[in-house]
Amino acid sequence: MNTPSGPKPAWYIILDASNQAEAERLGVNFSRNCRTRAMLARPATASLRRHVSFESGVVDFSPDRVLVAGSEDHAFPPRQAQPGSVGDANYSPLVRVDGIVYDAPVIAAAVDDADINSRRATRTTSSCMTR
């Protein structure tokens, strides 16, 4: 992922693919909707080792998530709500690689592998993550 300080690793989970054979190969959902939303997908390139380089879009994971329930009688709408991560204007969870559109939301960025794999990691991660 390109950041203001240079390329950094991004961790993402592939949920859907627009190509049925690719979806079956990865064990994810096949989604025709991904194909129809291709113009919304941000471009990426894959190396021979299948490392993916995102050409645009950065997610800031530094904000703390805040959710304060509304009144005692009506918890919704909340009194205060702030997301724990914010994508920039170029970010989309849809990514286009070699003509295939993936729904692949970024779940961590600009951190070392050890930070993701640590038992002390502050964010819940899954063993099905791909980088």
Protein backbone atom coordinates (compact mmCIF):
# COMPACT_ATOMS: atom_id res chain seq x y z
CA MET A 1 0.00 0.00 0.00
CA ASN A 2 1.39 3.39 -0.95
CA THR A 3 1.55 5.72 2.03
CA PRO A 4 3.02 9.23 2.38
CA SER A 5 6.15 7.62 3.87
CA GLY A 6 6.47 5.04 1.06
CA PRO A 7 5.17 1.51 0.37
CA LYS A 8 3.95 -0.39 3.44
CA PRO A 9 2.35 -3.84 3.83
CA ALA A 10 -1.43 -4.03 3.98
CA TRP A 11 -3.39 -6.94 5.37
CA TYR A 12 -6.75 -7.77 3.85
CA ILE A 13 -9.33 -10.54 3.73
CA ILE A 14 -10.80 -11.62 0.40
CA LEU A 15 -14.54 -12.12 0.82
CA ASP A 16 -15.80 -12.27 -2.79
CA ALA A 17 -14.44 -12.54 -6.33
CA SER A 18 -16.07 -11.60 -9.64
CA ASN A 19 -14.68 -14.68 -11.41
CA GLN A 20 -16.30 -18.00 -10.47
CA ALA A 21 -13.19 -20.14 -11.03
CA GLU A 22 -11.08 -17.75 -8.94
CA ALA A 23 -13.70 -17.70 -6.18
CA GLU A 24 -13.70 -21.51 -6.10
CA ARG A 25 -9.88 -21.61 -6.08
CA LEU A 26 -9.77 -19.25 -3.11
CA GLY A 27 -12.77 -20.74 -1.31
CA VAL A 28 -14.65 -17.43 -1.25
CA ASN A 29 -18.02 -16.27 -2.54
CA PHE A 30 -18.57 -15.76 -6.26
CA SER A 31 -20.27 -12.41 -6.76
CA ARG A 32 -21.56 -11.07 -10.07
CA ASN A 33 -22.08 -7.76 -8.25
CA CYS A 34 -18.32 -7.35 -7.93
CA ARG A 35 -18.05 -7.42 -11.72
CA THR A 36 -20.80 -4.82 -12.15
CA ARG A 37 -19.04 -2.53 -9.66
CA ALA A 38 -15.65 -2.79 -11.41
CA MET A 39 -15.55 0.93 -12.11
CA LEU A 40 -15.61 1.55 -8.33
CA ALA A 41 -12.72 -0.83 -7.68
CA ARG A 42 -9.28 0.57 -7.07
CA PRO A 43 -6.56 -0.83 -9.31
CA ALA A 44 -3.83 -3.11 -8.02
CA THR A 45 -1.06 -5.18 -9.56
CA ALA A 46 0.07 -8.67 -8.59
CA SER A 47 3.67 -9.86 -8.72
CA LEU A 48 4.67 -13.35 -9.82
CA ARG A 49 4.66 -14.30 -6.12
CA ARG A 50 1.06 -13.01 -5.87
CA HIS A 51 2.01 -10.05 -3.70
CA VAL A 52 -0.50 -7.34 -4.45
CA SER A 53 0.41 -3.67 -4.72
CA PHE A 54 -2.45 -1.26 -4.24
CA GLU A 55 -2.02 1.79 -6.44
CA SER A 56 -4.24 4.08 -4.35
CA GLY A 57 -6.34 4.19 -1.23
CA VAL A 58 -5.10 4.25 2.35
CA VAL A 59 -6.90 3.33 5.56
CA ASP A 60 -6.07 5.19 8.77
CA PHE A 61 -6.41 2.82 11.72
CA SER A 62 -5.26 5.33 14.33
CA PRO A 63 -8.65 6.71 15.47
CA ASP A 64 -10.20 5.06 18.50
CA ARG A 65 -13.63 3.60 17.88
CA VAL A 66 -16.23 5.27 20.05
CA LEU A 67 -19.84 4.22 20.53
CA VAL A 68 -21.96 5.67 23.31
CA ALA A 69 -25.53 4.48 23.56
CA GLY A 70 -28.37 6.96 23.41
CA SER A 71 -30.79 7.48 26.27
CA GLU A 72 -31.69 4.70 28.67
CA ASP A 73 -35.11 4.34 27.00
CA HIS A 74 -33.78 4.54 23.44
CA ALA A 75 -30.22 3.25 22.97
CA PHE A 76 -30.43 4.12 19.27
CA PRO A 77 -29.46 6.50 17.86
CA PRO A 78 -26.20 6.63 19.77
CA ARG A 79 -25.18 9.77 21.63
CA GLN A 80 -21.73 9.55 20.10
CA ALA A 81 -20.27 7.43 17.30
CA GLN A 82 -16.83 7.50 15.69
CA PRO A 83 -15.37 4.80 13.42
CA GLY A 84 -12.14 3.10 14.44
CA SER A 85 -10.75 3.30 10.92
CA VAL A 86 -11.25 5.73 8.07
CA GLY A 87 -10.43 5.23 4.40
CA ASP A 88 -9.19 8.16 2.34
CA ALA A 89 -11.05 9.43 -0.73
CA ASN A 90 -9.33 6.82 -2.95
CA TYR A 91 -10.03 3.80 -0.72
CA SER A 92 -12.54 1.14 -1.64
CA PRO A 93 -12.72 -2.45 -0.40
CA LEU A 94 -13.19 -3.41 -4.05
CA VAL A 95 -9.88 -4.15 -5.78
CA ARG A 96 -9.29 -4.94 -9.46
CA VAL A 97 -6.35 -7.27 -10.23
CA ASP A 98 -5.79 -8.74 -13.70
CA GLY A 99 -9.42 -8.11 -14.69
CA ILE A 100 -10.90 -9.77 -11.60
CA VAL A 101 -12.67 -7.68 -8.96
CA TYR A 102 -12.27 -8.77 -5.34
CA ASP A 103 -14.11 -7.55 -2.27
CA ALA A 104 -11.00 -7.35 -0.09
CA PRO A 105 -11.30 -4.90 2.80
CA VAL A 106 -8.03 -3.84 4.39
CA ILE A 107 -7.96 -4.88 8.05
CA ALA A 108 -4.50 -3.58 8.98
CA ALA A 109 -1.88 -1.45 7.27
CA ALA A 110 1.65 -0.14 7.78
CA VAL A 111 2.41 -2.60 10.58
CA ASP A 112 4.99 -5.36 10.81
CA ASP A 113 4.08 -9.04 10.49
CA ALA A 114 5.00 -9.54 14.15
CA ASP A 115 2.42 -6.94 15.20
CA ILE A 116 -0.33 -8.82 13.36
CA ASN A 117 0.71 -12.29 14.54
CA SER A 118 1.39 -11.30 18.16
CA ARG A 119 -0.85 -12.60 20.91
CA ARG A 120 -0.78 -9.02 22.15
CA ALA A 121 -2.17 -7.65 18.89
CA THR A 122 -4.79 -5.03 19.63
CA ARG A 123 -7.02 -5.94 16.69
CA THR A 124 -8.70 -9.26 16.11
CA THR A 125 -7.35 -10.98 13.01
CA SER A 126 -8.14 -14.21 11.21
CA SER A 127 -5.98 -17.06 10.05
CA CYS A 128 -7.45 -16.66 6.54
CA MET A 129 -5.72 -13.32 6.04
CA THR A 130 -3.76 -12.82 2.89
CA ARG A 131 -1.15 -10.21 2.31
